[in-house]
């Protein structure tokens, strides 16, 4: 089995897993579209490997797999930054929620002692 068949098989499994996670509601819609698009792009490059050579040649990148590493690295950095922003926002909300619960508990204790 050559590498292209392996790549196509991996892409199909990746797309299937993404769809299954969406169906079971374990993956939010905003990320589901991202992973599906990534899966289809990987499948496109697996089915038409000359497309990667054509794009890398137009971008003056002489070793075509370098384009894949560059795009993968940039995608990973952008995705990590996005997840960091989401975690920071959730952390702020959690801190505020804990403070509100503590204030409410203090009010209930104050009313109980009167």
N, C-alpha and C. Protein backbone atom coordinates (compact mmCIF):
# COMPACT_ATOMS: atom_id res chain seq x y z
N UNK A 1 0.86 -1.18 0.00
CA UNK A 1 0.00 0.00 0.00
C UNK A 1 0.91 1.24 0.00
N UNK A 2 0.66 2.15 -0.92
CA UNK A 2 1.54 3.32 -0.97
C UNK A 2 1.06 4.40 -0.01
N UNK A 3 1.86 5.45 0.11
CA UNK A 3 1.60 6.49 1.10
C UNK A 3 0.32 7.27 0.78
N UNK A 4 -0.04 7.38 -0.46
CA UNK A 4 -1.24 8.13 -0.83
C UNK A 4 -2.51 7.42 -0.36
N UNK A 5 -2.50 6.11 -0.46
CA UNK A 5 -3.65 5.33 0.03
C UNK A 5 -3.76 5.46 1.54
N UNK A 6 -2.59 5.44 2.21
CA UNK A 6 -2.60 5.63 3.67
C UNK A 6 -3.13 7.02 4.03
N UNK A 7 -2.69 8.03 3.29
CA UNK A 7 -3.13 9.40 3.57
C UNK A 7 -4.63 9.56 3.35
N UNK A 8 -5.12 9.00 2.27
CA UNK A 8 -6.57 9.09 1.99
C UNK A 8 -7.36 8.35 3.07
N UNK A 9 -6.86 7.17 3.47
CA UNK A 9 -7.55 6.42 4.52
C UNK A 9 -7.56 7.19 5.83
N UNK A 10 -6.43 7.80 6.18
CA UNK A 10 -6.36 8.60 7.40
C UNK A 10 -7.34 9.77 7.34
N UNK A 11 -7.42 10.44 6.20
CA UNK A 11 -8.33 11.58 6.06
C UNK A 11 -9.79 11.14 6.21
N UNK A 12 -10.13 10.01 5.62
CA UNK A 12 -11.51 9.53 5.74
C UNK A 12 -11.83 9.17 7.19
N UNK A 13 -10.90 8.55 7.88
CA UNK A 13 -11.12 8.22 9.30
C UNK A 13 -11.24 9.50 10.12
N UNK A 14 -10.39 10.48 9.82
CA UNK A 14 -10.42 11.76 10.53
C UNK A 14 -11.77 12.45 10.33
N UNK A 15 -12.26 12.48 9.10
CA UNK A 15 -13.56 13.11 8.81
C UNK A 15 -14.68 12.33 9.52
N UNK A 16 -14.61 11.00 9.49
CA UNK A 16 -15.63 10.18 10.15
C UNK A 16 -15.65 10.45 11.65
N UNK A 17 -14.48 10.51 12.27
CA UNK A 17 -14.42 10.77 13.71
C UNK A 17 -14.97 12.16 14.02
N UNK A 18 -14.66 13.14 13.18
CA UNK A 18 -15.19 14.50 13.39
C UNK A 18 -16.71 14.51 13.32
N UNK A 19 -17.26 13.83 12.32
CA UNK A 19 -18.72 13.78 12.17
C UNK A 19 -19.35 13.05 13.35
N UNK A 20 -18.72 11.97 13.80
CA UNK A 20 -19.25 11.22 14.93
C UNK A 20 -19.24 12.07 16.21
N UNK A 21 -18.18 12.85 16.42
CA UNK A 21 -18.12 13.73 17.59
C UNK A 21 -19.19 14.83 17.51
N UNK A 22 -19.48 15.29 16.31
CA UNK A 22 -20.54 16.29 16.14
C UNK A 22 -21.89 15.65 16.44
N UNK A 23 -22.09 14.45 15.90
CA UNK A 23 -23.37 13.77 16.10
C UNK A 23 -23.64 13.48 17.58
N UNK A 24 -22.59 13.15 18.33
CA UNK A 24 -22.75 12.87 19.77
C UNK A 24 -22.72 14.13 20.62
N UNK A 25 -22.61 15.28 19.95
CA UNK A 25 -22.58 16.60 20.60
C UNK A 25 -21.42 16.72 21.58
N UNK A 26 -20.29 16.15 21.22
CA UNK A 26 -19.09 16.29 22.03
C UNK A 26 -18.16 17.34 21.45
N UNK A 27 -18.51 17.86 20.29
CA UNK A 27 -17.70 18.87 19.61
C UNK A 27 -18.63 20.03 19.25
N UNK A 28 -18.28 21.23 19.70
CA UNK A 28 -19.13 22.38 19.42
C UNK A 28 -19.05 22.75 17.94
N UNK A 29 -20.11 23.41 17.49
CA UNK A 29 -20.22 23.72 16.07
C UNK A 29 -19.08 24.58 15.57
N UNK A 30 -18.65 25.54 16.39
CA UNK A 30 -17.60 26.45 15.93
C UNK A 30 -16.30 25.70 15.65
N UNK A 31 -16.03 24.64 16.40
CA UNK A 31 -14.82 23.85 16.15
C UNK A 31 -15.09 22.74 15.14
N UNK A 32 -16.32 22.30 15.05
CA UNK A 32 -16.65 21.22 14.13
C UNK A 32 -16.39 21.62 12.68
N UNK A 33 -16.79 22.83 12.34
CA UNK A 33 -16.57 23.30 10.97
C UNK A 33 -15.08 23.37 10.68
N UNK A 34 -14.33 23.85 11.64
CA UNK A 34 -12.88 23.96 11.48
C UNK A 34 -12.25 22.60 11.20
N UNK A 35 -12.61 21.58 12.00
CA UNK A 35 -12.02 20.25 11.83
C UNK A 35 -12.48 19.59 10.54
N UNK A 36 -13.74 19.82 10.16
CA UNK A 36 -14.21 19.25 8.90
C UNK A 36 -13.50 19.87 7.71
N UNK A 37 -13.34 21.18 7.75
CA UNK A 37 -12.62 21.86 6.65
C UNK A 37 -11.18 21.35 6.58
N UNK A 38 -10.54 21.20 7.73
CA UNK A 38 -9.17 20.68 7.76
C UNK A 38 -9.12 19.26 7.18
N UNK A 39 -10.09 18.43 7.54
CA UNK A 39 -10.14 17.07 7.01
C UNK A 39 -10.31 17.03 5.51
N UNK A 40 -11.18 17.90 4.99
CA UNK A 40 -11.40 17.92 3.54
C UNK A 40 -10.18 18.48 2.80
N UNK A 41 -9.50 19.46 3.39
CA UNK A 41 -8.29 19.98 2.75
C UNK A 41 -7.20 18.89 2.71
N UNK A 42 -7.06 18.15 3.82
CA UNK A 42 -6.08 17.06 3.84
C UNK A 42 -6.44 16.00 2.80
N UNK A 43 -7.73 15.71 2.68
CA UNK A 43 -8.17 14.72 1.69
C UNK A 43 -7.91 15.22 0.28
N UNK A 44 -8.12 16.51 0.05
CA UNK A 44 -7.87 17.09 -1.27
C UNK A 44 -6.40 16.94 -1.67
N UNK A 45 -5.49 17.25 -0.72
CA UNK A 45 -4.06 17.12 -1.01
C UNK A 45 -3.65 15.65 -1.14
N UNK A 46 -4.38 14.75 -0.48
CA UNK A 46 -4.06 13.33 -0.60
C UNK A 46 -4.51 12.76 -1.94
N UNK A 47 -5.65 13.22 -2.40
CA UNK A 47 -6.17 12.71 -3.68
C UNK A 47 -5.44 13.34 -4.85
N UNK A 48 -5.12 14.63 -4.73
CA UNK A 48 -4.41 15.34 -5.80
C UNK A 48 -3.07 15.87 -5.27
N UNK A 49 -2.06 15.01 -5.16
CA UNK A 49 -0.78 15.46 -4.59
C UNK A 49 -0.06 16.50 -5.45
N UNK A 50 -0.37 16.54 -6.74
CA UNK A 50 0.29 17.53 -7.60
C UNK A 50 -0.20 18.95 -7.28
N UNK A 51 -1.35 19.05 -6.62
CA UNK A 51 -1.88 20.36 -6.22
C UNK A 51 -0.93 21.04 -5.22
N UNK A 52 -0.35 20.26 -4.33
CA UNK A 52 0.61 20.80 -3.37
C UNK A 52 1.84 21.34 -4.08
N UNK A 53 2.32 20.61 -5.08
CA UNK A 53 3.48 21.07 -5.85
C UNK A 53 3.16 22.38 -6.58
N UNK A 54 1.97 22.45 -7.14
CA UNK A 54 1.56 23.65 -7.88
C UNK A 54 1.50 24.87 -6.96
N UNK A 55 0.88 24.71 -5.80
CA UNK A 55 0.75 25.83 -4.86
C UNK A 55 2.12 26.25 -4.32
N UNK A 56 2.93 25.26 -3.96
CA UNK A 56 4.26 25.61 -3.43
C UNK A 56 5.13 26.28 -4.49
N UNK A 57 5.00 25.85 -5.73
CA UNK A 57 5.76 26.49 -6.81
C UNK A 57 5.33 27.95 -6.98
N UNK A 58 4.01 28.21 -6.89
CA UNK A 58 3.51 29.59 -7.03
C UNK A 58 3.95 30.47 -5.86
N UNK A 59 4.18 29.84 -4.68
CA UNK A 59 4.62 30.61 -3.51
C UNK A 59 6.15 30.64 -3.41
N UNK A 60 6.85 30.13 -4.43
CA UNK A 60 8.31 30.09 -4.48
C UNK A 60 8.89 29.29 -3.32
N UNK A 61 8.20 28.23 -2.96
CA UNK A 61 8.72 27.27 -1.98
C UNK A 61 9.16 26.06 -2.79
N UNK A 62 10.45 25.73 -2.71
CA UNK A 62 11.01 24.74 -3.63
C UNK A 62 10.83 23.31 -3.14
N UNK A 63 10.58 23.12 -1.87
CA UNK A 63 10.34 21.77 -1.35
C UNK A 63 8.89 21.73 -0.87
N UNK A 64 8.03 21.09 -1.63
CA UNK A 64 6.58 21.15 -1.40
C UNK A 64 6.14 20.75 0.01
N UNK A 65 6.72 19.69 0.62
CA UNK A 65 6.28 19.35 1.98
C UNK A 65 6.54 20.47 2.99
N UNK A 66 7.48 21.36 2.70
CA UNK A 66 7.73 22.50 3.60
C UNK A 66 6.49 23.38 3.71
N UNK A 67 5.75 23.49 2.64
CA UNK A 67 4.51 24.27 2.66
C UNK A 67 3.53 23.66 3.65
N UNK A 68 3.44 22.33 3.66
CA UNK A 68 2.53 21.67 4.61
C UNK A 68 2.96 21.95 6.05
N UNK A 69 4.26 21.86 6.33
CA UNK A 69 4.75 22.14 7.68
C UNK A 69 4.50 23.59 8.06
N UNK A 70 4.71 24.50 7.13
CA UNK A 70 4.49 25.92 7.40
C UNK A 70 3.02 26.19 7.72
N UNK A 71 2.14 25.66 6.89
CA UNK A 71 0.70 25.86 7.11
C UNK A 71 0.26 25.20 8.41
N UNK A 72 0.78 24.00 8.67
CA UNK A 72 0.44 23.30 9.91
C UNK A 72 0.90 24.06 11.14
N UNK A 73 2.10 24.62 11.08
CA UNK A 73 2.63 25.38 12.20
C UNK A 73 1.81 26.65 12.43
N UNK A 74 1.51 27.37 11.35
CA UNK A 74 0.72 28.60 11.49
C UNK A 74 -0.68 28.29 12.00
N UNK A 75 -1.28 27.23 11.48
CA UNK A 75 -2.61 26.82 11.94
C UNK A 75 -2.58 26.49 13.43
N UNK A 76 -1.55 25.76 13.85
CA UNK A 76 -1.44 25.38 15.26
C UNK A 76 -1.29 26.60 16.16
N UNK A 77 -0.46 27.55 15.73
CA UNK A 77 -0.26 28.76 16.54
C UNK A 77 -1.55 29.56 16.68
N UNK A 78 -2.27 29.72 15.58
CA UNK A 78 -3.53 30.47 15.61
C UNK A 78 -4.55 29.75 16.47
N UNK A 79 -4.60 28.43 16.36
CA UNK A 79 -5.57 27.66 17.14
C UNK A 79 -5.23 27.70 18.63
N UNK A 80 -3.96 27.62 18.96
CA UNK A 80 -3.55 27.71 20.37
C UNK A 80 -3.90 29.08 20.94
N UNK A 81 -3.69 30.13 20.16
CA UNK A 81 -4.04 31.48 20.62
C UNK A 81 -5.55 31.60 20.84
N UNK A 82 -6.33 31.04 19.94
CA UNK A 82 -7.78 31.06 20.09
C UNK A 82 -8.21 30.32 21.36
N UNK A 83 -7.64 29.14 21.59
CA UNK A 83 -8.00 28.37 22.78
C UNK A 83 -7.56 29.08 24.05
N UNK A 84 -6.43 29.78 24.00
CA UNK A 84 -5.98 30.55 25.16
C UNK A 84 -6.96 31.67 25.47
N UNK A 85 -7.48 32.32 24.44
CA UNK A 85 -8.47 33.37 24.65
C UNK A 85 -9.76 32.80 25.25
N UNK A 86 -10.18 31.65 24.76
CA UNK A 86 -11.40 31.02 25.28
C UNK A 86 -11.21 30.64 26.74
N UNK A 87 -10.06 30.06 27.08
CA UNK A 87 -9.79 29.66 28.47
C UNK A 87 -9.72 30.88 29.37
N UNK A 88 -9.12 31.95 28.90
CA UNK A 88 -9.04 33.18 29.71
C UNK A 88 -10.43 33.74 29.99
N UNK A 89 -11.27 33.73 28.98
CA UNK A 89 -12.64 34.24 29.13
C UNK A 89 -13.41 33.36 30.13
N UNK A 90 -13.26 32.05 30.03
CA UNK A 90 -13.93 31.15 30.96
C UNK A 90 -13.41 31.33 32.38
N UNK A 91 -12.11 31.58 32.53
CA UNK A 91 -11.52 31.78 33.85
C UNK A 91 -12.08 33.04 34.50
N UNK A 92 -12.22 34.12 33.72
CA UNK A 92 -12.81 35.36 34.25
C UNK A 92 -14.25 35.12 34.69
N UNK A 93 -15.02 34.39 33.88
CA UNK A 93 -16.41 34.11 34.23
C UNK A 93 -16.49 33.25 35.49
N UNK A 94 -15.61 32.26 35.62
CA UNK A 94 -15.61 31.40 36.79
C UNK A 94 -15.25 32.18 38.05
N UNK A 95 -14.28 33.06 37.96
CA UNK A 95 -13.90 33.88 39.11
C UNK A 95 -15.07 34.75 39.55
N UNK A 96 -15.73 35.38 38.60
CA UNK A 96 -16.87 36.24 38.92
C UNK A 96 -18.01 35.41 39.55
N UNK A 97 -18.26 34.22 39.01
CA UNK A 97 -19.31 33.35 39.54
C UNK A 97 -18.99 32.94 40.98
N UNK A 98 -17.74 32.60 41.26
CA UNK A 98 -17.34 32.22 42.62
C UNK A 98 -17.52 33.39 43.57
N UNK A 99 -17.17 34.59 43.12
CA UNK A 99 -17.34 35.77 43.98
C UNK A 99 -18.82 36.02 44.27
N UNK A 100 -19.68 35.88 43.26
CA UNK A 100 -21.11 36.09 43.47
C UNK A 100 -21.69 35.05 44.43
N UNK A 101 -21.30 33.81 44.30
CA UNK A 101 -21.79 32.76 45.20
C UNK A 101 -21.32 33.03 46.62
N UNK A 102 -20.08 33.46 46.79
CA UNK A 102 -19.57 33.77 48.13
C UNK A 102 -20.35 34.93 48.74
N UNK A 103 -20.66 35.96 47.96
CA UNK A 103 -21.45 37.08 48.47
C UNK A 103 -22.85 36.63 48.88
N UNK A 104 -23.48 35.79 48.06
CA UNK A 104 -24.82 35.29 48.39
C UNK A 104 -24.79 34.43 49.65
N UNK A 105 -23.78 33.59 49.81
CA UNK A 105 -23.66 32.78 51.03
C UNK A 105 -23.48 33.66 52.25
N UNK A 106 -22.72 34.73 52.10
CA UNK A 106 -22.51 35.65 53.22
C UNK A 106 -23.81 36.36 53.59
N UNK A 107 -24.60 36.74 52.59
CA UNK A 107 -25.90 37.36 52.86
C UNK A 107 -26.83 36.40 53.57
N UNK A 108 -26.84 35.12 53.16
CA UNK A 108 -27.69 34.12 53.80
C UNK A 108 -27.27 33.88 55.25
N UNK A 109 -25.96 33.86 55.51
CA UNK A 109 -25.48 33.69 56.89
C UNK A 109 -25.88 34.89 57.75
N UNK A 110 -25.83 36.08 57.15
CA UNK A 110 -26.21 37.30 57.88
C UNK A 110 -27.67 37.29 58.25
N UNK A 111 -28.52 36.83 57.34
CA UNK A 111 -29.96 36.77 57.63
C UNK A 111 -30.27 35.66 58.62
N UNK A 112 -29.50 34.57 58.59
CA UNK A 112 -29.73 33.44 59.50
C UNK A 112 -29.40 33.79 60.94
N UNK A 113 -28.41 34.65 61.14
CA UNK A 113 -28.00 34.98 62.50
C UNK A 113 -28.89 36.04 63.14
N UNK A 114 -29.69 36.76 62.34
CA UNK A 114 -30.56 37.83 62.89
C UNK A 114 -31.77 37.28 63.59
